[in-house]
């Protein structure tokens, strides 16, 4: 079982923007109830697509620079990055299928 990687304002560039595979960034907070099922779905997706995808968590309270830079105003917010660029964004509660619909097109076959 893969744990989601916690990234910070300091590690975001290295872990997300410079990653050579697509990265899904989950912007969340400890107090956010709707964030919990999204995290669970993303953990499953991280395990299923282990070789093709990296999934990270960004705590909005501890990482205001990245949160502000990407204009995250509501949580949960999930952003898909490919080659350091934002390619998809999902705001609010999601199902596993809705997440996969937005993530799969960005995976290398």
N, C-alpha and C. Protein backbone atom coordinates (compact mmCIF):
# COMPACT_ATOMS: atom_id res chain seq x y z
N UNK A 1 0.84 -1.19 0.00
CA UNK A 1 0.00 0.00 0.00
C UNK A 1 0.88 1.24 0.00
N UNK A 2 0.71 2.08 -0.98
CA UNK A 2 1.50 3.31 -1.08
C UNK A 2 0.85 4.42 -0.27
N UNK A 3 1.67 5.11 0.49
CA UNK A 3 1.19 6.30 1.17
C UNK A 3 1.35 7.48 0.23
N UNK A 4 0.46 8.45 0.34
CA UNK A 4 0.60 9.65 -0.46
C UNK A 4 1.76 10.47 0.10
N UNK A 5 2.52 11.08 -0.77
CA UNK A 5 3.69 11.86 -0.39
C UNK A 5 3.24 13.24 0.07
N UNK A 6 3.64 13.64 1.27
CA UNK A 6 3.35 14.99 1.74
C UNK A 6 4.39 15.93 1.17
N UNK A 7 3.94 16.98 0.47
CA UNK A 7 4.87 17.97 -0.04
C UNK A 7 4.62 19.31 0.63
N UNK A 8 5.63 20.13 0.64
CA UNK A 8 5.58 21.43 1.31
C UNK A 8 5.90 22.53 0.32
N UNK A 9 5.81 23.76 0.78
CA UNK A 9 6.21 24.90 -0.04
C UNK A 9 7.65 24.69 -0.53
N UNK A 10 8.50 24.13 0.32
CA UNK A 10 9.91 23.95 -0.03
C UNK A 10 10.17 22.77 -0.95
N UNK A 11 9.35 21.71 -0.88
CA UNK A 11 9.62 20.52 -1.68
C UNK A 11 8.74 20.41 -2.93
N UNK A 12 7.80 21.33 -3.11
CA UNK A 12 6.84 21.24 -4.21
C UNK A 12 7.53 21.20 -5.58
N UNK A 13 8.46 22.10 -5.82
CA UNK A 13 9.14 22.14 -7.12
C UNK A 13 9.79 20.81 -7.45
N UNK A 14 10.55 20.27 -6.52
CA UNK A 14 11.28 19.02 -6.76
C UNK A 14 10.33 17.83 -6.89
N UNK A 15 9.33 17.76 -6.03
CA UNK A 15 8.44 16.60 -5.99
C UNK A 15 7.36 16.62 -7.08
N UNK A 16 6.95 17.81 -7.50
CA UNK A 16 5.83 17.92 -8.43
C UNK A 16 6.27 18.46 -9.79
N UNK A 17 6.82 19.64 -9.81
CA UNK A 17 7.11 20.31 -11.08
C UNK A 17 8.24 19.65 -11.86
N UNK A 18 9.19 19.04 -11.16
CA UNK A 18 10.33 18.41 -11.84
C UNK A 18 10.19 16.90 -11.98
N UNK A 19 9.03 16.37 -11.65
CA UNK A 19 8.79 14.93 -11.74
C UNK A 19 8.61 14.53 -13.20
N UNK A 20 9.17 13.38 -13.57
CA UNK A 20 9.10 12.96 -14.98
C UNK A 20 7.87 12.12 -15.32
N UNK A 21 6.99 11.93 -14.35
CA UNK A 21 5.69 11.29 -14.61
C UNK A 21 4.60 12.24 -14.12
N UNK A 22 3.36 12.07 -14.58
CA UNK A 22 2.28 12.95 -14.12
C UNK A 22 2.14 12.89 -12.59
N UNK A 23 1.78 14.03 -12.01
CA UNK A 23 1.60 14.15 -10.57
C UNK A 23 0.20 14.68 -10.28
N UNK A 24 -0.46 14.02 -9.33
CA UNK A 24 -1.76 14.48 -8.84
C UNK A 24 -1.52 15.09 -7.46
N UNK A 25 -1.86 16.36 -7.32
CA UNK A 25 -1.68 17.06 -6.04
C UNK A 25 -3.04 17.26 -5.39
N UNK A 26 -3.17 16.73 -4.19
CA UNK A 26 -4.40 16.84 -3.40
C UNK A 26 -4.22 17.95 -2.38
N UNK A 27 -4.91 19.07 -2.57
CA UNK A 27 -4.87 20.19 -1.62
C UNK A 27 -5.97 19.95 -0.59
N UNK A 28 -5.59 19.88 0.68
CA UNK A 28 -6.49 19.45 1.73
C UNK A 28 -6.16 20.16 3.04
N UNK A 29 -6.95 19.88 4.08
CA UNK A 29 -6.68 20.34 5.45
C UNK A 29 -7.20 19.28 6.41
N UNK A 30 -6.59 19.21 7.57
CA UNK A 30 -6.95 18.20 8.58
C UNK A 30 -8.43 18.27 8.95
N UNK A 31 -9.00 19.45 9.04
CA UNK A 31 -10.37 19.65 9.48
C UNK A 31 -11.41 19.43 8.37
N UNK A 32 -10.97 19.18 7.17
CA UNK A 32 -11.86 19.08 6.00
C UNK A 32 -12.45 17.67 5.87
N UNK A 33 -13.71 17.53 6.22
CA UNK A 33 -14.38 16.22 6.12
C UNK A 33 -14.51 15.72 4.68
N UNK A 34 -14.90 16.57 3.72
CA UNK A 34 -15.00 16.09 2.33
C UNK A 34 -13.65 15.67 1.74
N UNK A 35 -12.55 16.09 2.36
CA UNK A 35 -11.22 15.71 1.86
C UNK A 35 -10.90 14.24 2.12
N UNK A 36 -11.50 13.66 3.14
CA UNK A 36 -11.15 12.29 3.55
C UNK A 36 -11.47 11.24 2.48
N UNK A 37 -12.68 11.21 1.91
CA UNK A 37 -12.92 10.21 0.87
C UNK A 37 -12.06 10.45 -0.36
N UNK A 38 -11.80 11.71 -0.71
CA UNK A 38 -10.94 12.00 -1.87
C UNK A 38 -9.55 11.42 -1.64
N UNK A 39 -9.02 11.60 -0.42
CA UNK A 39 -7.70 11.04 -0.10
C UNK A 39 -7.71 9.52 -0.22
N UNK A 40 -8.78 8.90 0.24
CA UNK A 40 -8.89 7.45 0.15
C UNK A 40 -8.89 6.98 -1.31
N UNK A 41 -9.66 7.66 -2.16
CA UNK A 41 -9.70 7.31 -3.58
C UNK A 41 -8.32 7.52 -4.22
N UNK A 42 -7.66 8.62 -3.87
CA UNK A 42 -6.35 8.89 -4.45
C UNK A 42 -5.30 7.87 -4.00
N UNK A 43 -5.44 7.37 -2.78
CA UNK A 43 -4.53 6.32 -2.32
C UNK A 43 -4.72 5.06 -3.16
N UNK A 44 -5.98 4.71 -3.43
CA UNK A 44 -6.26 3.55 -4.29
C UNK A 44 -5.68 3.77 -5.68
N UNK A 45 -5.89 4.95 -6.23
CA UNK A 45 -5.39 5.27 -7.57
C UNK A 45 -3.85 5.22 -7.59
N UNK A 46 -3.22 5.74 -6.55
CA UNK A 46 -1.75 5.70 -6.46
C UNK A 46 -1.24 4.28 -6.49
N UNK A 47 -1.94 3.38 -5.84
CA UNK A 47 -1.55 1.97 -5.83
C UNK A 47 -1.78 1.30 -7.18
N UNK A 48 -2.88 1.62 -7.82
CA UNK A 48 -3.23 1.01 -9.10
C UNK A 48 -2.33 1.50 -10.25
N UNK A 49 -1.87 2.73 -10.16
CA UNK A 49 -1.07 3.32 -11.24
C UNK A 49 0.33 3.69 -10.74
N UNK A 50 0.86 2.88 -9.86
CA UNK A 50 2.13 3.12 -9.17
C UNK A 50 3.27 3.50 -10.11
N UNK A 51 3.37 2.88 -11.28
CA UNK A 51 4.48 3.12 -12.21
C UNK A 51 4.24 4.33 -13.11
N UNK A 52 2.99 4.76 -13.23
CA UNK A 52 2.65 5.79 -14.19
C UNK A 52 2.29 7.14 -13.58
N UNK A 53 2.20 7.20 -12.26
CA UNK A 53 1.61 8.37 -11.61
C UNK A 53 2.17 8.53 -10.21
N UNK A 54 2.33 9.78 -9.80
CA UNK A 54 2.72 10.09 -8.42
C UNK A 54 1.58 10.92 -7.83
N UNK A 55 1.19 10.59 -6.60
CA UNK A 55 0.12 11.33 -5.93
C UNK A 55 0.69 11.95 -4.65
N UNK A 56 0.48 13.26 -4.51
CA UNK A 56 1.01 13.98 -3.36
C UNK A 56 -0.11 14.73 -2.65
N UNK A 57 0.15 15.07 -1.38
CA UNK A 57 -0.78 15.85 -0.57
C UNK A 57 -0.14 17.18 -0.21
N UNK A 58 -0.93 18.25 -0.27
CA UNK A 58 -0.47 19.57 0.12
C UNK A 58 -1.44 20.10 1.18
N UNK A 59 -0.97 20.20 2.41
CA UNK A 59 -1.78 20.75 3.49
C UNK A 59 -1.84 22.26 3.31
N UNK A 60 -3.03 22.79 3.03
CA UNK A 60 -3.15 24.22 2.71
C UNK A 60 -2.77 25.12 3.89
N UNK A 61 -2.95 24.63 5.11
CA UNK A 61 -2.65 25.45 6.28
C UNK A 61 -1.15 25.60 6.50
N UNK A 62 -0.40 24.56 6.18
CA UNK A 62 1.05 24.58 6.39
C UNK A 62 1.83 25.07 5.18
N UNK A 63 1.17 25.22 4.04
CA UNK A 63 1.87 25.56 2.80
C UNK A 63 1.14 26.66 2.03
N UNK A 64 1.12 27.87 2.62
CA UNK A 64 0.36 28.96 2.01
C UNK A 64 0.93 29.46 0.68
N UNK A 65 2.23 29.33 0.46
CA UNK A 65 2.84 29.84 -0.78
C UNK A 65 2.31 29.08 -2.00
N UNK A 66 2.40 27.75 -1.96
CA UNK A 66 1.93 26.92 -3.08
C UNK A 66 0.42 27.04 -3.23
N UNK A 67 -0.29 27.01 -2.11
CA UNK A 67 -1.75 27.12 -2.14
C UNK A 67 -2.19 28.42 -2.81
N UNK A 68 -1.55 29.51 -2.45
CA UNK A 68 -1.88 30.81 -3.03
C UNK A 68 -1.46 30.89 -4.49
N UNK A 69 -0.27 30.40 -4.81
CA UNK A 69 0.24 30.47 -6.18
C UNK A 69 -0.71 29.77 -7.16
N UNK A 70 -1.27 28.64 -6.75
CA UNK A 70 -2.18 27.90 -7.63
C UNK A 70 -3.65 28.30 -7.43
N UNK A 71 -3.89 29.33 -6.64
CA UNK A 71 -5.24 29.87 -6.50
C UNK A 71 -6.24 28.89 -5.92
N UNK A 72 -5.79 28.08 -4.97
CA UNK A 72 -6.69 27.12 -4.34
C UNK A 72 -7.53 27.86 -3.31
N UNK A 73 -8.82 27.98 -3.61
CA UNK A 73 -9.74 28.72 -2.74
C UNK A 73 -10.71 27.81 -2.00
N UNK A 74 -10.91 26.60 -2.51
CA UNK A 74 -11.80 25.64 -1.86
C UNK A 74 -11.07 24.31 -1.75
N UNK A 75 -11.47 23.53 -0.76
CA UNK A 75 -10.90 22.19 -0.64
C UNK A 75 -12.05 21.20 -0.47
N UNK A 76 -11.85 19.98 -0.94
CA UNK A 76 -10.65 19.51 -1.61
C UNK A 76 -10.52 20.07 -3.03
N UNK A 77 -9.28 20.32 -3.42
CA UNK A 77 -8.95 20.65 -4.79
C UNK A 77 -7.87 19.67 -5.23
N UNK A 78 -8.07 19.06 -6.38
CA UNK A 78 -7.10 18.12 -6.94
C UNK A 78 -6.60 18.71 -8.25
N UNK A 79 -5.28 18.85 -8.37
CA UNK A 79 -4.68 19.38 -9.59
C UNK A 79 -3.75 18.33 -10.18
N UNK A 80 -3.89 18.10 -11.48
CA UNK A 80 -3.03 17.17 -12.19
C UNK A 80 -1.96 17.98 -12.92
N UNK A 81 -0.70 17.59 -12.70
CA UNK A 81 0.44 18.25 -13.35
C UNK A 81 1.12 17.26 -14.29
N UNK A 82 1.53 17.76 -15.44
CA UNK A 82 2.31 16.95 -16.36
C UNK A 82 3.42 17.85 -16.91
N UNK A 83 4.65 17.38 -16.81
CA UNK A 83 5.82 18.16 -17.23
C UNK A 83 5.84 19.54 -16.58
N UNK A 84 5.43 19.58 -15.31
CA UNK A 84 5.48 20.83 -14.54
C UNK A 84 4.35 21.80 -14.81
N UNK A 85 3.39 21.42 -15.63
CA UNK A 85 2.27 22.30 -15.97
C UNK A 85 0.95 21.73 -15.46
N UNK A 86 0.09 22.61 -14.99
CA UNK A 86 -1.26 22.18 -14.59
C UNK A 86 -2.04 21.80 -15.84
N UNK A 87 -2.61 20.58 -15.84
CA UNK A 87 -3.38 20.13 -17.01
C UNK A 87 -4.84 19.82 -16.67
N UNK A 88 -5.15 19.64 -15.41
CA UNK A 88 -6.54 19.39 -14.98
C UNK A 88 -6.71 19.92 -13.56
N UNK A 89 -7.95 20.31 -13.22
CA UNK A 89 -8.26 20.74 -11.86
C UNK A 89 -9.67 20.28 -11.54
N UNK A 90 -9.82 19.69 -10.36
CA UNK A 90 -11.13 19.26 -9.88
C UNK A 90 -11.34 19.89 -8.50
N UNK A 91 -12.45 20.58 -8.33
CA UNK A 91 -12.78 21.21 -7.05
C UNK A 91 -13.94 20.47 -6.41
N UNK A 92 -13.86 20.32 -5.08
CA UNK A 92 -14.95 19.71 -4.35
C UNK A 92 -14.85 18.20 -4.29
N UNK A 93 -15.85 17.61 -3.67
CA UNK A 93 -15.89 16.17 -3.48
C UNK A 93 -15.97 15.47 -4.83
N UNK A 94 -15.22 14.38 -4.97
CA UNK A 94 -15.17 13.62 -6.21
C UNK A 94 -15.37 12.14 -5.91
N UNK A 95 -15.83 11.41 -6.91
CA UNK A 95 -15.86 9.95 -6.81
C UNK A 95 -14.54 9.43 -7.38
N UNK A 96 -14.25 8.19 -7.14
CA UNK A 96 -13.04 7.60 -7.72
C UNK A 96 -13.12 7.65 -9.24
N UNK A 97 -14.29 7.35 -9.80
CA UNK A 97 -14.44 7.37 -11.25
C UNK A 97 -14.26 8.76 -11.85
N UNK A 98 -14.78 9.78 -11.17
CA UNK A 98 -14.62 11.15 -11.71
C UNK A 98 -13.14 11.56 -11.67
N UNK A 99 -12.42 11.13 -10.64
CA UNK A 99 -10.98 11.41 -10.58
C UNK A 99 -10.26 10.69 -11.72
N UNK A 100 -10.57 9.42 -11.91
CA UNK A 100 -9.91 8.65 -12.97
C UNK A 100 -10.21 9.20 -14.36
N UNK A 101 -11.42 9.70 -14.59
CA UNK A 101 -11.77 10.27 -15.88
C UNK A 101 -10.86 11.44 -16.25
N UNK A 102 -10.46 12.21 -15.25
CA UNK A 102 -9.60 13.37 -15.50
C UNK A 102 -8.12 13.02 -15.48
N UNK A 103 -7.76 11.97 -14.77
CA UNK A 103 -6.34 11.59 -14.64
C UNK A 103 -5.86 10.72 -15.80
N UNK A 104 -6.64 9.73 -16.17
CA UNK A 104 -6.21 8.74 -17.19
C UNK A 104 -5.71 9.35 -18.50
N UNK A 105 -6.36 10.38 -19.04
CA UNK A 105 -5.88 10.92 -20.32
C UNK A 105 -4.44 11.46 -20.26
N UNK A 106 -3.94 11.71 -19.08
CA UNK A 106 -2.60 12.28 -18.93
C UNK A 106 -1.53 11.25 -18.63
N UNK A 107 -1.93 9.99 -18.52
CA UNK A 107 -0.97 8.93 -18.26
C UNK A 107 -0.35 8.45 -19.56
N UNK A 108 0.93 8.14 -19.49
CA UNK A 108 1.59 7.55 -20.66
C UNK A 108 1.21 6.08 -20.71
N UNK A 109 0.90 5.60 -21.90
CA UNK A 109 0.50 4.19 -22.00
C UNK A 109 1.66 3.24 -21.94
